[in-house]
Amino acid sequence: MSLPYDYEIQNIVASSFTPANPKIRGSFEYALFCRYLWQKAVSVFKWTLPETWEVDFFQRVLYGLGYAVIVPTAKFGTIPQPGTVGGYNVFYEPLYALIANPLLPDLSGRQMIIDVDCSIIKLTPDYLGIGDLVGYYAEKMALASQAISVNFSNSKLSYVFGAKDKTQATTFKKMFDQILNGEPAVVIDKTLFNDDGSPNWSIFNQNLQQTYIVSDLISDLRKIEAEFDTKIGIPNANTDKRERLISDEVNANNAETSSISDLWLDTIRHGIDRTKKLFPDLPEIKVERRYNNAEQRDNVDIRPLGA
């Protein structure tokens, strides 16, 4: 199954060529963005499926594994199942499919010839899912999110203390904690001051605006998400805070946004046609695009620049 690798596998594999890369996969933020992007990807198409099919299960199999095997069963009728394809036909396409489901013992271990005993509805021509695509952008968004959190913390006013020993360092920390907690008066030992009475600490960073880049990071996070939307076919302006786009730029983005989703749609419909041909009594199976690129861009100003 083409799903994002967990952090252990990622560490083993990636360390051979990127030994110093951040270990994002396996983190909470990575899992959060994987889930978020997965749902966005699944939302691209609207499905009409037989009542006996579980929609969520079908979509998990189709988008996760990359294809669903449509098989006739005595107990449940003709239903979608995850399976393994194998063999080669004259066009070097998979010849048969194997199903392993404890509730379908009559099919377990049986080599079912594709387009004879079963059919395949696949998402992409190469029989792969979108786990790699989701994982790639989830990792980038998780990195951006972590950078936002770190910069929020680092943008606070910082101080540097000069301590003679561990005891004095602990005293400084306690004093600073009391100040940050908002205590109106903090009593300290006069030995924490220099011999001339000046404070034994200094402001480390006074120019907060120079180091505050949260706004830029949030913008970058949105750009990463917009790029993912473009890849999967969700309309977006694809702009970098520009107030206006010329019509040619919008049309170019329309084509880019539709390219992969059009391929997915054609591949799915081809599988549906072959399934209906093999199982003519199967209730309606239909898929259509949820987003219309032209209609979804009514809010984009496409007047010529300078108008």
C-alpha atoms as a PDB file:
ATOM      1  CA  MET A   1       0.000   0.000   0.000  1.00  0.00           C
ATOM      2  CA  SER A   2       1.346   3.401  -0.949  1.00  0.00           C
ATOM      3  CA  LEU A   3       0.991   5.147   2.403  1.00  0.00           C
ATOM      4  CA  PRO A   4       3.334   7.557   4.208  1.00  0.00           C
ATOM      5  CA  TYR A   5       6.177   5.732   5.968  1.00  0.00           C
ATOM      6  CA  ASP A   6       6.311   5.979   9.747  1.00  0.00           C
ATOM      7  CA  TYR A   7       9.234   7.750  11.385  1.00  0.00           C
ATOM      8  CA  GLU A   8      11.192   4.547  12.086  1.00  0.00           C
ATOM      9  CA  ILE A   9      11.278   3.476   8.444  1.00  0.00           C
ATOM     10  CA  GLN A  10      11.917   7.071   7.402  1.00  0.00           C
ATOM     11  CA  ASN A  11      14.918   7.273   9.714  1.00  0.00           C
ATOM     12  CA  ILE A  12      16.378   4.020   8.382  1.00  0.00           C
ATOM     13  CA  VAL A  13      15.875   4.819   4.706  1.00  0.00           C
ATOM     14  CA  ALA A  14      16.495   8.559   4.676  1.00  0.00           C
ATOM     15  CA  SER A  15      19.621   8.417   6.829  1.00  0.00           C
ATOM     16  CA  SER A  16      21.489   6.727   3.990  1.00  0.00           C
ATOM     17  CA  PHE A  17      21.373   9.879   1.873  1.00  0.00           C
ATOM     18  CA  THR A  18      20.188  12.693   4.162  1.00  0.00           C
ATOM     19  CA  PRO A  19      21.693  11.919   7.569  1.00  0.00           C
ATOM     20  CA  ALA A  20      20.937  15.326   9.034  1.00  0.00           C
ATOM     21  CA  ASN A  21      17.364  15.859   7.874  1.00  0.00           C
ATOM     22  CA  PRO A  22      14.708  16.724  10.484  1.00  0.00           C
ATOM     23  CA  LYS A  23      12.697  13.718  11.647  1.00  0.00           C
ATOM     24  CA  ILE A  24       9.246  15.166  11.022  1.00  0.00           C
ATOM     25  CA  ARG A  25       7.408  11.990  10.079  1.00  0.00           C
ATOM     26  CA  GLY A  26       5.889  10.370  13.114  1.00  0.00           C
ATOM     27  CA  SER A  27       5.248  13.707  14.837  1.00  0.00           C
ATOM     28  CA  PHE A  28       1.829  14.950  15.879  1.00  0.00           C
ATOM     29  CA  GLU A  29       1.940  17.842  13.415  1.00  0.00           C
ATOM     30  CA  TYR A  30       2.847  15.530  10.534  1.00  0.00           C
ATOM     31  CA  ALA A  31      -0.071  13.235  11.365  1.00  0.00           C
ATOM     32  CA  LEU A  32      -2.386  16.233  11.649  1.00  0.00           C
ATOM     33  CA  PHE A  33      -1.471  17.581   8.217  1.00  0.00           C
ATOM     34  CA  CYS A  34      -1.604  14.099   6.659  1.00  0.00           C
ATOM     35  CA  ARG A  35      -5.159  13.725   7.864  1.00  0.00           C
ATOM     36  CA  TYR A  36      -6.069  17.239   6.748  1.00  0.00           C
ATOM     37  CA  LEU A  37      -4.574  16.909   3.260  1.00  0.00           C
ATOM     38  CA  TRP A  38      -5.985  13.411   2.816  1.00  0.00           C
ATOM     39  CA  GLN A  39      -9.497  14.720   3.405  1.00  0.00           C
ATOM     40  CA  LYS A  40      -8.908  17.569   0.954  1.00  0.00           C
ATOM     41  CA  ALA A  41      -7.751  15.122  -1.702  1.00  0.00           C
ATOM     42  CA  VAL A  42     -10.751  12.847  -1.187  1.00  0.00           C
ATOM     43  CA  SER A  43     -13.092  15.844  -1.467  1.00  0.00           C
ATOM     44  CA  VAL A  44     -12.101  16.522  -5.092  1.00  0.00           C
ATOM     45  CA  PHE A  45     -14.666  14.054  -6.506  1.00  0.00           C
ATOM     46  CA  LYS A  46     -18.319  13.361  -5.690  1.00  0.00           C
ATOM     47  CA  TRP A  47     -19.383   9.735  -5.893  1.00  0.00           C
ATOM     48  CA  THR A  48     -22.618   7.914  -6.618  1.00  0.00           C
ATOM     49  CA  LEU A  49     -22.150   4.310  -5.489  1.00  0.00           C
ATOM     50  CA  PRO A  50     -24.372   1.255  -4.936  1.00  0.00           C
ATOM     51  CA  GLU A  51     -26.118   1.248  -1.563  1.00  0.00           C
ATOM     52  CA  THR A  52     -24.353  -1.978  -0.601  1.00  0.00           C
ATOM     53  CA  TRP A  53     -20.943  -0.294  -0.914  1.00  0.00           C
ATOM     54  CA  GLU A  54     -19.395   1.480   2.045  1.00  0.00           C
ATOM     55  CA  VAL A  55     -18.332   4.845   0.625  1.00  0.00           C
ATOM     56  CA  ASP A  56     -15.609   5.590   3.182  1.00  0.00           C
ATOM     57  CA  PHE A  57     -14.118   2.131   2.789  1.00  0.00           C
ATOM     58  CA  PHE A  58     -14.129   2.400  -0.994  1.00  0.00           C
ATOM     59  CA  GLN A  59     -12.381   5.774  -0.895  1.00  0.00           C
ATOM     60  CA  ARG A  60      -9.755   4.579   1.591  1.00  0.00           C
ATOM     61  CA  VAL A  61      -8.936   1.657  -0.648  1.00  0.00           C
ATOM     62  CA  LEU A  62      -8.952   3.683  -3.862  1.00  0.00           C
ATOM     63  CA  TYR A  63      -6.857   6.596  -2.615  1.00  0.00           C
ATOM     64  CA  GLY A  64      -4.658   4.602  -0.249  1.00  0.00           C
ATOM     65  CA  LEU A  65      -3.934   1.449  -2.218  1.00  0.00           C
ATOM     66  CA  GLY A  66      -4.465   3.116  -5.587  1.00  0.00           C
ATOM     67  CA  TYR A  67      -7.124   0.728  -6.868  1.00  0.00           C
ATOM     68  CA  ALA A  68     -10.125  -1.307  -5.744  1.00  0.00           C
ATOM     69  CA  VAL A  69     -10.859  -4.842  -6.918  1.00  0.00           C
ATOM     70  CA  ILE A  70     -14.543  -5.293  -7.761  1.00  0.00           C
ATOM     71  CA  VAL A  71     -15.505  -8.898  -7.056  1.00  0.00           C
ATOM     72  CA  PRO A  72     -18.765 -10.876  -7.041  1.00  0.00           C
ATOM     73  CA  THR A  73     -19.529 -12.636  -3.758  1.00  0.00           C
ATOM     74  CA  ALA A  74     -22.312 -15.020  -2.779  1.00  0.00           C
ATOM     75  CA  LYS A  75     -22.995 -13.308   0.549  1.00  0.00           C
ATOM     76  CA  PHE A  76     -22.486  -9.601  -0.101  1.00  0.00           C
ATOM     77  CA  GLY A  77     -23.070  -9.232  -3.822  1.00  0.00           C
ATOM     78  CA  THR A  78     -20.591  -7.445  -6.039  1.00  0.00           C
ATOM     79  CA  ILE A  79     -18.420  -5.288  -3.788  1.00  0.00           C
ATOM     80  CA  PRO A  80     -15.055  -3.473  -3.770  1.00  0.00           C
ATOM     81  CA  GLN A  81     -12.127  -5.042  -1.927  1.00  0.00           C
ATOM     82  CA  PRO A  82      -8.433  -4.309  -1.425  1.00  0.00           C
ATOM     83  CA  GLY A  83      -6.246  -6.852  -3.098  1.00  0.00           C
ATOM     84  CA  THR A  84      -2.961  -7.628  -4.760  1.00  0.00           C
ATOM     85  CA  VAL A  85      -2.513  -7.631  -8.524  1.00  0.00           C
ATOM     86  CA  GLY A  86       0.003  -9.840 -10.271  1.00  0.00           C
ATOM     87  CA  GLY A  87       1.052 -11.426 -13.523  1.00  0.00           C
ATOM     88  CA  TYR A  88       1.328  -9.748 -16.921  1.00  0.00           C
ATOM     89  CA  ASN A  89      -0.944  -9.679 -19.915  1.00  0.00           C
ATOM     90  CA  VAL A  90       0.147  -8.921 -23.457  1.00  0.00           C
ATOM     91  CA  PHE A  91       0.284  -5.184 -22.629  1.00  0.00           C
ATOM     92  CA  TYR A  92       2.343  -5.791 -19.463  1.00  0.00           C
ATOM     93  CA  GLU A  93      -0.653  -4.864 -17.348  1.00  0.00           C
ATOM     94  CA  PRO A  94      -1.637  -6.943 -14.276  1.00  0.00           C
ATOM     95  CA  LEU A  95      -3.300 -10.203 -15.256  1.00  0.00           C
ATOM     96  CA  TYR A  96      -5.002 -11.291 -12.048  1.00  0.00           C
ATOM     97  CA  ALA A  97      -5.982 -10.105  -8.571  1.00  0.00           C
ATOM     98  CA  LEU A  98      -5.796 -11.833  -5.189  1.00  0.00           C
ATOM     99  CA  ILE A  99      -8.192 -11.124  -2.330  1.00  0.00           C
ATOM    100  CA  ALA A 100      -7.512 -11.952   1.325  1.00  0.00           C
ATOM    101  CA  ASN A 101     -10.593 -11.388   3.462  1.00  0.00           C
ATOM    102  CA  PRO A 102     -11.576 -13.800   6.269  1.00  0.00           C
ATOM    103  CA  LEU A 103     -15.244 -13.134   5.522  1.00  0.00           C
ATOM    104  CA  LEU A 104     -14.744 -14.203   1.898  1.00  0.00           C
ATOM    105  CA  PRO A 105     -13.132 -17.640   2.242  1.00  0.00           C
ATOM    106  CA  ASP A 106     -14.241 -18.704  -1.243  1.00  0.00           C
ATOM    107  CA  LEU A 107     -12.064 -15.940  -2.756  1.00  0.00           C
ATOM    108  CA  SER A 108      -8.996 -16.225  -0.534  1.00  0.00           C
ATOM    109  CA  GLY A 109      -5.959 -17.365  -2.499  1.00  0.00           C
ATOM    110  CA  ARG A 110      -7.862 -17.556  -5.757  1.00  0.00           C
ATOM    111  CA  GLN A 111      -6.275 -15.912  -8.792  1.00  0.00           C
ATOM    112  CA  MET A 112      -9.126 -13.965 -10.363  1.00  0.00           C
ATOM    113  CA  ILE A 113      -8.491 -12.904 -13.936  1.00  0.00           C
ATOM    114  CA  ILE A 114      -9.025  -9.176 -14.369  1.00  0.00           C
ATOM    115  CA  ASP A 115     -11.955  -8.304 -16.675  1.00  0.00           C
ATOM    116  CA  VAL A 116     -13.081 -11.941 -16.505  1.00  0.00           C
ATOM    117  CA  ASP A 117     -13.588 -12.819 -12.844  1.00  0.00           C
ATOM    118  CA  CYS A 118     -13.212  -9.318 -11.433  1.00  0.00           C
ATOM    119  CA  SER A 119     -12.612  -5.741 -12.489  1.00  0.00           C
ATOM    120  CA  ILE A 120     -10.325  -2.951 -11.335  1.00  0.00           C
ATOM    121  CA  ILE A 121     -11.210   0.663 -10.595  1.00  0.00           C
ATOM    122  CA  LYS A 122      -7.938   2.516 -10.166  1.00  0.00           C
ATOM    123  CA  LEU A 123      -7.082   6.098  -9.331  1.00  0.00           C
ATOM    124  CA  THR A 124      -3.872   6.474 -11.308  1.00  0.00           C
ATOM    125  CA  PRO A 125      -2.524   4.668 -14.362  1.00  0.00           C
ATOM    126  CA  ASP A 126       0.345   3.162 -12.349  1.00  0.00           C
ATOM    127  CA  TYR A 127      -1.864   1.492  -9.714  1.00  0.00           C
ATOM    128  CA  LEU A 128      -0.475   3.666  -6.907  1.00  0.00           C
ATOM    129  CA  GLY A 129      -2.271   5.763  -4.319  1.00  0.00           C
ATOM    130  CA  ILE A 130      -1.645   9.301  -3.151  1.00  0.00           C
ATOM    131  CA  GLY A 131       0.147   8.535   0.113  1.00  0.00           C
ATOM    132  CA  ASP A 132       3.434   9.837  -1.267  1.00  0.00           C
ATOM    133  CA  LEU A 133       1.837  13.103  -2.421  1.00  0.00           C
ATOM    134  CA  VAL A 134       0.061  13.655   0.886  1.00  0.00           C
ATOM    135  CA  GLY A 135       3.164  12.740   2.879  1.00  0.00           C
ATOM    136  CA  TYR A 136       5.399  15.096   0.916  1.00  0.00           C
ATOM    137  CA  TYR A 137       3.243  18.167   1.498  1.00  0.00           C
ATOM    138  CA  ALA A 138       2.318  17.168   5.045  1.00  0.00           C
ATOM    139  CA  GLU A 139       6.018  17.104   5.910  1.00  0.00           C
ATOM    140  CA  LYS A 140       6.567  20.559   4.429  1.00  0.00           C
ATOM    141  CA  MET A 141       3.551  21.970   6.262  1.00  0.00           C
ATOM    142  CA  ALA A 142       4.655  20.354   9.515  1.00  0.00           C
ATOM    143  CA  LEU A 143       8.099  21.950   9.152  1.00  0.00           C
ATOM    144  CA  ALA A 144       6.512  25.341   8.516  1.00  0.00           C
ATOM    145  CA  SER A 145       4.205  24.901  11.487  1.00  0.00           C
ATOM    146  CA  GLN A 146       7.099  24.019  13.766  1.00  0.00           C
ATOM    147  CA  ALA A 147       9.053  27.021  12.518  1.00  0.00           C
ATOM    148  CA  ILE A 148       6.070  29.249  13.348  1.00  0.00           C
ATOM    149  CA  SER A 149       5.937  27.904  16.908  1.00  0.00           C
ATOM    150  CA  VAL A 150       9.700  28.307  17.373  1.00  0.00           C
ATOM    151  CA  ASN A 151       9.705  31.844  16.006  1.00  0.00           C
ATOM    152  CA  PHE A 152       6.824  32.820  18.253  1.00  0.00           C
ATOM    153  CA  SER A 153       8.924  31.738  21.217  1.00  0.00           C
ATOM    154  CA  ASN A 154      12.212  33.188  19.976  1.00  0.00           C
ATOM    155  CA  SER A 155      10.629  36.555  19.238  1.00  0.00           C
ATOM    156  CA  LYS A 156      10.153  37.233  22.916  1.00  0.00           C
ATOM    157  CA  LEU A 157      12.430  39.750  24.565  1.00  0.00           C
ATOM    158  CA  SER A 158      15.514  37.820  25.714  1.00  0.00           C
ATOM    159  CA  TYR A 159      18.063  38.537  28.418  1.00  0.00           C
ATOM    160  CA  VAL A 160      21.579  37.252  29.081  1.00  0.00           C
ATOM    161  CA  PHE A 161      22.744  36.739  32.667  1.00  0.00           C
ATOM    162  CA  GLY A 162      26.312  36.378  33.828  1.00  0.00           C
ATOM    163  CA  ALA A 163      26.447  33.903  36.714  1.00  0.00           C
ATOM    164  CA  LYS A 164      29.551  33.036  38.774  1.00  0.00           C
ATOM    165  CA  ASP A 165      28.331  29.573  39.711  1.00  0.00           C
ATOM    166  CA  LYS A 166      25.379  27.186  39.503  1.00  0.00           C
ATOM    167  CA  THR A 167      23.745  28.610  42.616  1.00  0.00           C
ATOM    168  CA  GLN A 168      23.738  32.116  41.188  1.00  0.00           C
ATOM    169  CA  ALA A 169      22.412  30.803  37.859  1.00  0.00           C
ATOM    170  CA  THR A 170      19.528  29.127  39.679  1.00  0.00           C
ATOM    171  CA  THR A 171      18.793  32.378  41.491  1.00  0.00           C
ATOM    172  CA  PHE A 172      18.700  34.284  38.206  1.00  0.00           C
ATOM    173  CA  LYS A 173      16.290  31.730  36.736  1.00  0.00           C
ATOM    174  CA  LYS A 174      14.005  31.957  39.748  1.00  0.00           C
ATOM    175  CA  MET A 175      14.056  35.761  39.585  1.00  0.00           C
ATOM    176  CA  PHE A 176      13.215  35.770  35.898  1.00  0.00           C
ATOM    177  CA  ASP A 177      10.405  33.243  36.373  1.00  0.00           C
ATOM    178  CA  GLN A 178       8.881  35.489  39.008  1.00  0.00           C
ATOM    179  CA  ILE A 179       9.077  38.476  36.661  1.00  0.00           C
ATOM    180  CA  LEU A 180       7.465  36.559  33.798  1.00  0.00           C
ATOM    181  CA  ASN A 181       4.741  35.368  36.161  1.00  0.00           C
ATOM    182  CA  GLY A 182       3.794  38.991  36.704  1.00  0.00           C
ATOM    183  CA  GLU A 183       4.766  39.393  40.347  1.00  0.00           C
ATOM    184  CA  PRO A 184       4.690  43.133  41.237  1.00  0.00           C
ATOM    185  CA  ALA A 185       7.853  43.011  43.364  1.00  0.00           C
ATOM    186  CA  VAL A 186      10.797  40.627  43.155  1.00  0.00           C
ATOM    187  CA  VAL A 187      13.407  40.594  45.917  1.00  0.00           C
ATOM    188  CA  ILE A 188      16.911  39.476  44.951  1.00  0.00           C
ATOM    189  CA  ASP A 189      20.285  39.311  46.587  1.00  0.00           C
ATOM    190  CA  LYS A 190      22.471  42.355  45.936  1.00  0.00           C
ATOM    191  CA  THR A 191      25.285  39.995  44.948  1.00  0.00           C
ATOM    192  CA  LEU A 192      23.455  39.556  41.653  1.00  0.00           C
ATOM    193  CA  PHE A 193      24.610  43.065  40.726  1.00  0.00           C
ATOM    194  CA  ASN A 194      28.080  44.049  39.566  1.00  0.00           C
ATOM    195  CA  ASP A 195      30.541  45.772  41.887  1.00  0.00           C
ATOM    196  CA  ASP A 196      29.550  49.172  40.506  1.00  0.00           C
ATOM    197  CA  GLY A 197      25.861  48.449  41.207  1.00  0.00           C
ATOM    198  CA  SER A 198      24.912  47.865  37.581  1.00  0.00           C
ATOM    199  CA  PRO A 199      22.681  44.866  36.764  1.00  0.00           C
ATOM    200  CA  ASN A 200      24.524  41.685  35.920  1.00  0.00           C
ATOM    201  CA  TRP A 201      22.367  41.036  32.895  1.00  0.00           C
ATOM    202  CA  SER A 202      21.763  42.576  29.499  1.00  0.00           C
ATOM    203  CA  ILE A 203      19.134  42.456  26.802  1.00  0.00           C
ATOM    204  CA  PHE A 204      20.211  39.889  24.231  1.00  0.00           C
ATOM    205  CA  ASN A 205      17.843  40.904  21.440  1.00  0.00           C
ATOM    206  CA  GLN A 206      16.266  44.329  21.289  1.00  0.00           C
ATOM    207  CA  ASN A 207      15.095  44.375  17.663  1.00  0.00           C
ATOM    208  CA  LEU A 208      12.100  42.070  17.903  1.00  0.00           C
ATOM    209  CA  GLN A 209      10.700  43.134  14.551  1.00  0.00           C
ATOM    210  CA  GLN A 210      13.876  42.032  12.800  1.00  0.00           C
ATOM    211  CA  THR A 211      13.612  38.458  14.085  1.00  0.00           C
ATOM    212  CA  TYR A 212       9.802  38.158  13.941  1.00  0.00           C
ATOM    213  CA  ILE A 213       9.028  36.239  10.740  1.00  0.00           C
ATOM    214  CA  VAL A 214       5.801  34.515  11.794  1.00  0.00           C
ATOM    215  CA  SER A 215       3.804  36.418   9.184  1.00  0.00           C
ATOM    216  CA  ASP A 216       6.146  35.247   6.433  1.00  0.00           C
ATOM    217  CA  LEU A 217       6.029  31.678   7.716  1.00  0.00           C
ATOM    218  CA  ILE A 218       2.230  31.683   7.754  1.00  0.00           C
ATOM    219  CA  SER A 219       2.298  32.974   4.189  1.00  0.00           C
ATOM    220  CA  ASP A 220       4.681  30.179   3.229  1.00  0.00           C
ATOM    221  CA  LEU A 221       2.419  27.636   4.921  1.00  0.00           C
ATOM    222  CA  ARG A 222      -0.475  28.869   2.817  1.00  0.00           C
ATOM    223  CA  LYS A 223       1.655  28.668  -0.323  1.00  0.00           C
ATOM    224  CA  ILE A 224       2.493  25.033   0.406  1.00  0.00           C
ATOM    225  CA  GLU A 225      -1.182  24.238   0.872  1.00  0.00           C
ATOM    226  CA  ALA A 226      -2.076  26.149  -2.302  1.00  0.00           C
ATOM    227  CA  GLU A 227       0.511  24.130  -4.213  1.00  0.00           C
ATOM    228  CA  PHE A 228      -1.041  20.922  -2.900  1.00  0.00           C
ATOM    229  CA  ASP A 229      -4.488  22.191  -3.923  1.00  0.00           C
ATOM    230  CA  THR A 230      -3.142  22.866  -7.397  1.00  0.00           C
ATOM    231  CA  LYS A 231      -1.766  19.340  -7.619  1.00  0.00           C
ATOM    232  CA  ILE A 232      -5.024  17.614  -6.683  1.00  0.00           C
ATOM    233  CA  GLY A 233      -7.440  19.888  -8.554  1.00  0.00           C
ATOM    234  CA  ILE A 234      -8.838  22.291  -5.951  1.00  0.00           C
ATOM    235  CA  PRO A 235      -9.168  25.803  -7.431  1.00  0.00           C
ATOM    236  CA  ASN A 236      -6.953  28.456  -5.887  1.00  0.00           C
ATOM    237  CA  ALA A 237      -5.700  31.853  -6.937  1.00  0.00           C
ATOM    238  CA  ASN A 238      -2.069  30.734  -6.665  1.00  0.00           C
ATOM    239  CA  THR A 239      -0.915  34.240  -5.857  1.00  0.00           C
ATOM    240  CA  ASP A 240       1.771  35.721  -3.644  1.00  0.00           C
ATOM    241  CA  LYS A 241      -0.315  38.453  -2.009  1.00  0.00           C
ATOM    242  CA  ARG A 242      -0.876  40.119  -5.356  1.00  0.00           C
ATOM    243  CA  GLU A 243      -4.067  42.111  -5.560  1.00  0.00           C
ATOM    244  CA  ARG A 244      -4.703  41.421  -9.222  1.00  0.00           C
ATOM    245  CA  LEU A 245      -3.988  38.730 -11.755  1.00  0.00           C
ATOM    246  CA  ILE A 246      -4.071  39.038 -15.493  1.00  0.00           C
ATOM    247  CA  SER A 247      -6.408  36.636 -17.275  1.00  0.00           C
ATOM    248  CA  ASP A 248      -3.563  34.646 -18.852  1.00  0.00           C
ATOM    249  CA  GLU A 249      -2.140  33.874 -15.406  1.00  0.00           C
ATOM    250  CA  VAL A 250      -5.513  32.650 -14.170  1.00  0.00           C
ATOM    251  CA  ASN A 251      -6.003  30.499 -17.275  1.00  0.00           C
ATOM    252  CA  ALA A 252      -2.534  29.000 -16.855  1.00  0.00           C
ATOM    253  CA  ASN A 253      -3.335  28.084 -13.273  1.00  0.00           C
ATOM    254  CA  ASN A 254      -6.661  26.612 -14.395  1.00  0.00           C
ATOM    255  CA  ALA A 255      -4.819  24.212 -16.677  1.00  0.00           C
ATOM    256  CA  GLU A 256      -2.260  23.276 -14.035  1.00  0.00           C
ATOM    257  CA  THR A 257      -4.965  22.732 -11.423  1.00  0.00           C
ATOM    258  CA  SER A 258      -6.929  20.430 -13.716  1.00  0.00           C
ATOM    259  CA  SER A 259      -4.096  18.357 -15.164  1.00  0.00           C
ATOM    260  CA  ILE A 260      -3.677  15.621 -12.538  1.00  0.00           C
ATOM    261  CA  SER A 261      -7.312  15.585 -11.422  1.00  0.00           C
ATOM    262  CA  ASP A 262      -8.374  15.179 -15.063  1.00  0.00           C
ATOM    263  CA  LEU A 263      -6.059  12.192 -15.354  1.00  0.00           C
ATOM    264  CA  TRP A 264      -7.501  10.710 -12.160  1.00  0.00           C
ATOM    265  CA  LEU A 265     -11.038  11.287 -13.390  1.00  0.00           C
ATOM    266  CA  ASP A 266     -10.400   9.676 -16.782  1.00  0.00           C
ATOM    267  CA  THR A 267      -8.686   6.689 -15.151  1.00  0.00           C
ATOM    268  CA  ILE A 268     -11.538   6.184 -12.682  1.00  0.00           C
ATOM    269  CA  ARG A 269     -14.210   6.447 -15.369  1.00  0.00           C
ATOM    270  CA  HIS A 270     -12.351   3.963 -17.539  1.00  0.00           C
ATOM    271  CA  GLY A 271     -12.414   1.505 -14.647  1.00  0.00           C
ATOM    272  CA  ILE A 272     -16.118   2.164 -14.048  1.00  0.00           C
ATOM    273  CA  ASP A 273     -16.921   1.489 -17.716  1.00  0.00           C
ATOM    274  CA  ARG A 274     -15.090  -1.831 -17.609  1.00  0.00           C
ATOM    275  CA  THR A 275     -16.793  -2.729 -14.346  1.00  0.00           C
ATOM    276  CA  LYS A 276     -20.255  -1.997 -15.758  1.00  0.00           C
ATOM    277  CA  LYS A 277     -19.413  -4.059 -18.815  1.00  0.00           C
ATOM    278  CA  LEU A 278     -18.429  -7.050 -16.693  1.00  0.00           C
ATOM    279  CA  PHE A 279     -21.252  -6.600 -14.161  1.00  0.00           C
ATOM    280  CA  PRO A 280     -24.179  -5.036 -16.083  1.00  0.00           C
ATOM    281  CA  ASP A 281     -26.633  -5.624 -13.209  1.00  0.00           C
ATOM    282  CA  LEU A 282     -24.561  -3.511 -10.806  1.00  0.00           C
ATOM    283  CA  PRO A 283     -26.365  -0.324  -9.673  1.00  0.00           C
ATOM    284  CA  GLU A 284     -25.138   3.025 -10.912  1.00  0.00           C
ATOM    285  CA  ILE A 285     -21.533   4.016 -10.267  1.00  0.00           C
ATOM    286  CA  LYS A 286     -20.793   7.623 -11.052  1.00  0.00           C
ATOM    287  CA  VAL A 287     -18.046  10.105 -10.285  1.00  0.00           C
ATOM    288  CA  GLU A 288     -17.898  13.815 -11.047  1.00  0.00           C
ATOM    289  CA  ARG A 289     -15.724  16.748 -10.180  1.00  0.00           C
ATOM    290  CA  ARG A 290     -16.734  18.665  -7.072  1.00  0.00           C
ATOM    291  CA  TYR A 291     -14.975  21.881  -8.052  1.00  0.00           C
ATOM    292  CA  ASN A 292     -15.392  23.798 -11.285  1.00  0.00           C
ATOM    293  CA  ASN A 293     -12.233  25.814 -11.816  1.00  0.00           C
ATOM    294  CA  ALA A 294     -13.900  28.599 -13.764  1.00  0.00           C
ATOM    295  CA  GLU A 295     -16.878  29.000 -11.433  1.00  0.00           C
ATOM    296  CA  GLN A 296     -14.763  28.871  -8.293  1.00  0.00           C
ATOM    297  CA  ARG A 297     -12.664  31.875  -9.375  1.00  0.00           C
ATOM    298  CA  ASP A 298     -15.354  34.535  -9.392  1.00  0.00           C
ATOM    299  CA  ASN A 299     -13.603  36.356  -6.563  1.00  0.00           C
ATOM    300  CA  VAL A 300     -10.305  36.696  -8.451  1.00  0.00           C
ATOM    301  CA  ASP A 301      -9.687  40.127  -9.955  1.00  0.00           C
ATOM    302  CA  ILE A 302      -8.373  39.472 -13.479  1.00  0.00           C
ATOM    303  CA  ARG A 303      -8.282  43.063 -14.679  1.00  0.00           C
ATOM    304  CA  PRO A 304      -5.044  44.049 -16.425  1.00  0.00           C
ATOM    305  CA  LEU A 305      -2.317  45.175 -14.072  1.00  0.00           C
ATOM    306  CA  GLY A 306      -2.416  48.904 -13.566  1.00  0.00           C
ATOM    307  CA  ALA A 307      -6.093  49.208 -14.495  1.00  0.00           C
END
